[in-house]
């Protein structure tokens, strides 16, 4: 992605964080209630994580994306979370 577009997208997410999170929640109709449960029981903020993931992808920060995924996988395993249950 072109650097100017990357900056515009990143700036949009930064300045419209609440709108971004609300859009995610509106799309996650079947699992929206689980998001708070996961935050409470495992201290995992899925909305914040989604923002990080989008930034890593848009900014083509592949190494950080892989590192983040590995870390989150360990955290989810430690708490025995199953995102499909």
N, C-alpha and C. Protein backbone atom coordinates (compact mmCIF):
# COMPACT_ATOMS: atom_id res chain seq x y z
N UNK A 1 0.85 -1.18 0.00
CA UNK A 1 0.00 0.00 0.00
C UNK A 1 0.89 1.24 0.00
N UNK A 2 0.46 2.23 -0.69
CA UNK A 2 1.22 3.47 -0.79
C UNK A 2 1.34 4.14 0.58
N UNK A 3 2.51 4.71 0.86
CA UNK A 3 2.79 5.31 2.16
C UNK A 3 1.76 6.37 2.56
N UNK A 4 1.31 7.19 1.63
CA UNK A 4 0.31 8.22 1.93
C UNK A 4 -1.01 7.59 2.37
N UNK A 5 -1.41 6.54 1.68
CA UNK A 5 -2.63 5.83 2.04
C UNK A 5 -2.50 5.18 3.40
N UNK A 6 -1.33 4.64 3.69
CA UNK A 6 -1.09 4.02 4.99
C UNK A 6 -1.28 5.05 6.09
N UNK A 7 -0.68 6.21 5.92
CA UNK A 7 -0.79 7.26 6.93
C UNK A 7 -2.22 7.72 7.09
N UNK A 8 -2.93 7.87 6.00
CA UNK A 8 -4.32 8.30 6.07
C UNK A 8 -5.17 7.29 6.83
N UNK A 9 -4.97 6.02 6.53
CA UNK A 9 -5.74 4.98 7.20
C UNK A 9 -5.40 4.92 8.68
N UNK A 10 -4.11 4.97 9.00
CA UNK A 10 -3.67 4.95 10.39
C UNK A 10 -4.22 6.15 11.15
N UNK A 11 -4.15 7.32 10.54
CA UNK A 11 -4.69 8.53 11.17
C UNK A 11 -6.20 8.41 11.39
N UNK A 12 -6.89 7.82 10.42
CA UNK A 12 -8.33 7.66 10.56
C UNK A 12 -8.65 6.79 11.78
N UNK A 13 -7.96 5.68 11.90
CA UNK A 13 -8.22 4.78 13.04
C UNK A 13 -7.89 5.48 14.35
N UNK A 14 -6.81 6.22 14.38
CA UNK A 14 -6.40 6.93 15.59
C UNK A 14 -7.45 7.96 16.00
N UNK A 15 -7.96 8.71 15.04
CA UNK A 15 -8.88 9.80 15.35
C UNK A 15 -10.34 9.38 15.40
N UNK A 16 -10.63 8.17 14.98
CA UNK A 16 -12.01 7.67 14.99
C UNK A 16 -12.08 6.31 15.68
N UNK A 17 -11.32 6.18 16.76
CA UNK A 17 -11.21 4.91 17.48
C UNK A 17 -12.57 4.38 17.91
N UNK A 18 -13.39 5.23 18.48
CA UNK A 18 -14.70 4.79 18.95
C UNK A 18 -15.58 4.31 17.80
N UNK A 19 -15.56 5.04 16.71
CA UNK A 19 -16.33 4.65 15.54
C UNK A 19 -15.84 3.30 14.99
N UNK A 20 -14.52 3.13 14.95
CA UNK A 20 -13.91 1.88 14.51
C UNK A 20 -14.36 0.72 15.40
N UNK A 21 -14.30 0.92 16.70
CA UNK A 21 -14.69 -0.13 17.64
C UNK A 21 -16.18 -0.44 17.54
N UNK A 22 -17.00 0.59 17.39
CA UNK A 22 -18.44 0.36 17.24
C UNK A 22 -18.76 -0.42 15.98
N UNK A 23 -18.03 -0.14 14.92
CA UNK A 23 -18.23 -0.88 13.66
C UNK A 23 -17.85 -2.34 13.85
N UNK A 24 -16.74 -2.58 14.54
CA UNK A 24 -16.34 -3.97 14.82
C UNK A 24 -17.42 -4.68 15.61
N UNK A 25 -17.93 -4.02 16.65
CA UNK A 25 -18.97 -4.63 17.49
C UNK A 25 -20.25 -4.89 16.70
N UNK A 26 -20.59 -3.99 15.79
CA UNK A 26 -21.81 -4.19 15.00
C UNK A 26 -21.65 -5.37 14.04
N UNK A 27 -20.43 -5.65 13.62
CA UNK A 27 -20.18 -6.78 12.72
C UNK A 27 -20.05 -8.09 13.49
N UNK A 28 -19.76 -8.00 14.78
CA UNK A 28 -19.55 -9.19 15.60
C UNK A 28 -20.80 -9.53 16.40
N UNK A 29 -21.93 -9.52 15.73
CA UNK A 29 -23.21 -9.69 16.39
C UNK A 29 -23.26 -10.94 17.26
N UNK A 30 -22.79 -12.05 16.76
CA UNK A 30 -22.89 -13.31 17.50
C UNK A 30 -21.90 -13.46 18.63
N UNK A 31 -20.85 -12.65 18.65
CA UNK A 31 -19.81 -12.82 19.66
C UNK A 31 -19.57 -11.56 20.49
N UNK A 32 -20.34 -10.53 20.26
CA UNK A 32 -20.12 -9.27 20.97
C UNK A 32 -20.15 -9.45 22.48
N UNK A 33 -21.03 -10.31 22.97
CA UNK A 33 -21.11 -10.50 24.43
C UNK A 33 -19.88 -11.20 24.97
N UNK A 34 -19.24 -12.02 24.15
CA UNK A 34 -18.03 -12.73 24.59
C UNK A 34 -16.83 -11.79 24.71
N UNK A 35 -16.85 -10.70 23.97
CA UNK A 35 -15.72 -9.77 23.98
C UNK A 35 -15.48 -9.25 25.39
N UNK A 36 -16.53 -8.85 26.07
CA UNK A 36 -16.39 -8.36 27.45
C UNK A 36 -15.99 -9.48 28.40
N UNK A 37 -16.55 -10.67 28.19
CA UNK A 37 -16.18 -11.81 29.03
C UNK A 37 -14.68 -12.11 28.94
N UNK A 38 -14.15 -12.06 27.73
CA UNK A 38 -12.73 -12.34 27.52
C UNK A 38 -11.88 -11.25 28.15
N UNK A 39 -12.34 -10.01 28.07
CA UNK A 39 -11.62 -8.90 28.71
C UNK A 39 -11.58 -9.10 30.22
N UNK A 40 -12.72 -9.48 30.79
CA UNK A 40 -12.80 -9.65 32.24
C UNK A 40 -12.02 -10.86 32.74
N UNK A 41 -12.14 -11.97 32.06
CA UNK A 41 -11.51 -13.19 32.56
C UNK A 41 -10.05 -13.34 32.18
N UNK A 42 -9.65 -12.76 31.06
CA UNK A 42 -8.27 -12.95 30.63
C UNK A 42 -7.50 -11.67 30.41
N UNK A 43 -8.16 -10.54 30.68
CA UNK A 43 -7.53 -9.24 30.47
C UNK A 43 -7.02 -9.08 29.04
N UNK A 44 -7.81 -9.58 28.09
CA UNK A 44 -7.48 -9.48 26.68
C UNK A 44 -8.49 -8.54 26.04
N UNK A 45 -8.01 -7.41 25.56
CA UNK A 45 -8.88 -6.40 24.96
C UNK A 45 -8.93 -6.64 23.45
N UNK A 46 -9.95 -7.36 23.01
CA UNK A 46 -10.06 -7.73 21.60
C UNK A 46 -10.22 -6.53 20.68
N UNK A 47 -10.88 -5.49 21.14
CA UNK A 47 -11.04 -4.30 20.30
C UNK A 47 -9.70 -3.60 20.09
N UNK A 48 -8.93 -3.50 21.15
CA UNK A 48 -7.60 -2.91 21.05
C UNK A 48 -6.70 -3.78 20.17
N UNK A 49 -6.83 -5.09 20.33
CA UNK A 49 -6.04 -6.01 19.52
C UNK A 49 -6.40 -5.90 18.04
N UNK A 50 -7.68 -5.73 17.75
CA UNK A 50 -8.11 -5.57 16.36
C UNK A 50 -7.49 -4.32 15.75
N UNK A 51 -7.42 -3.26 16.52
CA UNK A 51 -6.80 -2.03 16.05
C UNK A 51 -5.32 -2.27 15.74
N UNK A 52 -4.63 -2.97 16.64
CA UNK A 52 -3.22 -3.28 16.41
C UNK A 52 -3.05 -4.10 15.13
N UNK A 53 -3.88 -5.11 14.98
CA UNK A 53 -3.78 -5.97 13.80
C UNK A 53 -3.97 -5.18 12.51
N UNK A 54 -4.96 -4.32 12.49
CA UNK A 54 -5.21 -3.51 11.30
C UNK A 54 -4.01 -2.62 11.01
N UNK A 55 -3.46 -1.99 12.04
CA UNK A 55 -2.28 -1.15 11.84
C UNK A 55 -1.10 -1.94 11.28
N UNK A 56 -0.84 -3.11 11.87
CA UNK A 56 0.28 -3.94 11.40
C UNK A 56 0.10 -4.33 9.93
N UNK A 57 -1.12 -4.69 9.55
CA UNK A 57 -1.38 -5.09 8.18
C UNK A 57 -1.25 -3.89 7.24
N UNK A 58 -1.91 -2.79 7.57
CA UNK A 58 -1.90 -1.61 6.71
C UNK A 58 -0.48 -1.05 6.54
N UNK A 59 0.26 -1.04 7.64
CA UNK A 59 1.61 -0.50 7.61
C UNK A 59 2.65 -1.53 7.18
N UNK A 60 2.17 -2.73 6.80
CA UNK A 60 3.02 -3.81 6.32
C UNK A 60 4.15 -4.14 7.29
N UNK A 61 3.79 -4.19 8.58
CA UNK A 61 4.75 -4.51 9.64
C UNK A 61 4.63 -6.00 9.95
N UNK A 62 5.09 -6.81 9.01
CA UNK A 62 4.91 -8.26 9.06
C UNK A 62 5.56 -8.90 10.29
N UNK A 63 6.77 -8.49 10.63
CA UNK A 63 7.45 -9.09 11.78
C UNK A 63 6.69 -8.84 13.07
N UNK A 64 6.17 -7.62 13.22
CA UNK A 64 5.39 -7.30 14.42
C UNK A 64 4.06 -8.05 14.42
N UNK A 65 3.48 -8.24 13.26
CA UNK A 65 2.23 -8.99 13.15
C UNK A 65 2.44 -10.44 13.59
N UNK A 66 3.50 -11.05 13.12
CA UNK A 66 3.80 -12.44 13.50
C UNK A 66 4.09 -12.53 14.99
N UNK A 67 4.88 -11.61 15.51
CA UNK A 67 5.22 -11.60 16.93
C UNK A 67 3.96 -11.43 17.78
N UNK A 68 3.09 -10.52 17.38
CA UNK A 68 1.84 -10.28 18.09
C UNK A 68 0.98 -11.55 18.08
N UNK A 69 0.86 -12.19 16.93
CA UNK A 69 0.05 -13.41 16.81
C UNK A 69 0.60 -14.52 17.70
N UNK A 70 1.91 -14.66 17.72
CA UNK A 70 2.52 -15.69 18.57
C UNK A 70 2.24 -15.40 20.04
N UNK A 71 2.40 -14.16 20.44
CA UNK A 71 2.16 -13.77 21.84
C UNK A 71 0.71 -14.02 22.23
N UNK A 72 -0.21 -13.58 21.39
CA UNK A 72 -1.63 -13.75 21.70
C UNK A 72 -2.03 -15.22 21.72
N UNK A 73 -1.42 -16.03 20.87
CA UNK A 73 -1.70 -17.46 20.88
C UNK A 73 -1.31 -18.09 22.21
N UNK A 74 -0.17 -17.67 22.74
CA UNK A 74 0.29 -18.18 24.03
C UNK A 74 -0.67 -17.74 25.14
N UNK A 75 -1.08 -16.47 25.10
CA UNK A 75 -2.00 -15.94 26.12
C UNK A 75 -3.33 -16.69 26.07
N UNK A 76 -3.86 -16.88 24.87
CA UNK A 76 -5.14 -17.58 24.74
C UNK A 76 -5.01 -19.02 25.23
N UNK A 77 -3.90 -19.65 24.90
CA UNK A 77 -3.69 -21.04 25.35
C UNK A 77 -3.58 -21.11 26.87
N UNK A 78 -2.90 -20.14 27.46
CA UNK A 78 -2.72 -20.12 28.91
C UNK A 78 -4.06 -19.99 29.63
N UNK A 79 -4.99 -19.28 29.02
CA UNK A 79 -6.31 -19.09 29.62
C UNK A 79 -7.32 -20.12 29.11
N UNK A 80 -6.85 -21.00 28.24
CA UNK A 80 -7.69 -22.05 27.68
C UNK A 80 -8.93 -21.48 26.99
N UNK A 81 -8.74 -20.34 26.30
CA UNK A 81 -9.85 -19.74 25.56
C UNK A 81 -10.03 -20.47 24.23
N UNK A 82 -11.27 -20.66 23.88
CA UNK A 82 -11.59 -21.23 22.59
C UNK A 82 -12.48 -20.21 21.88
N UNK A 83 -11.93 -19.55 20.84
CA UNK A 83 -12.72 -18.52 20.16
C UNK A 83 -13.94 -19.06 19.43
N UNK A 84 -14.02 -20.37 19.28
CA UNK A 84 -15.13 -20.97 18.52
C UNK A 84 -16.21 -21.57 19.40
N UNK A 85 -16.04 -21.45 20.71
CA UNK A 85 -17.07 -22.05 21.58
C UNK A 85 -18.10 -21.04 22.00
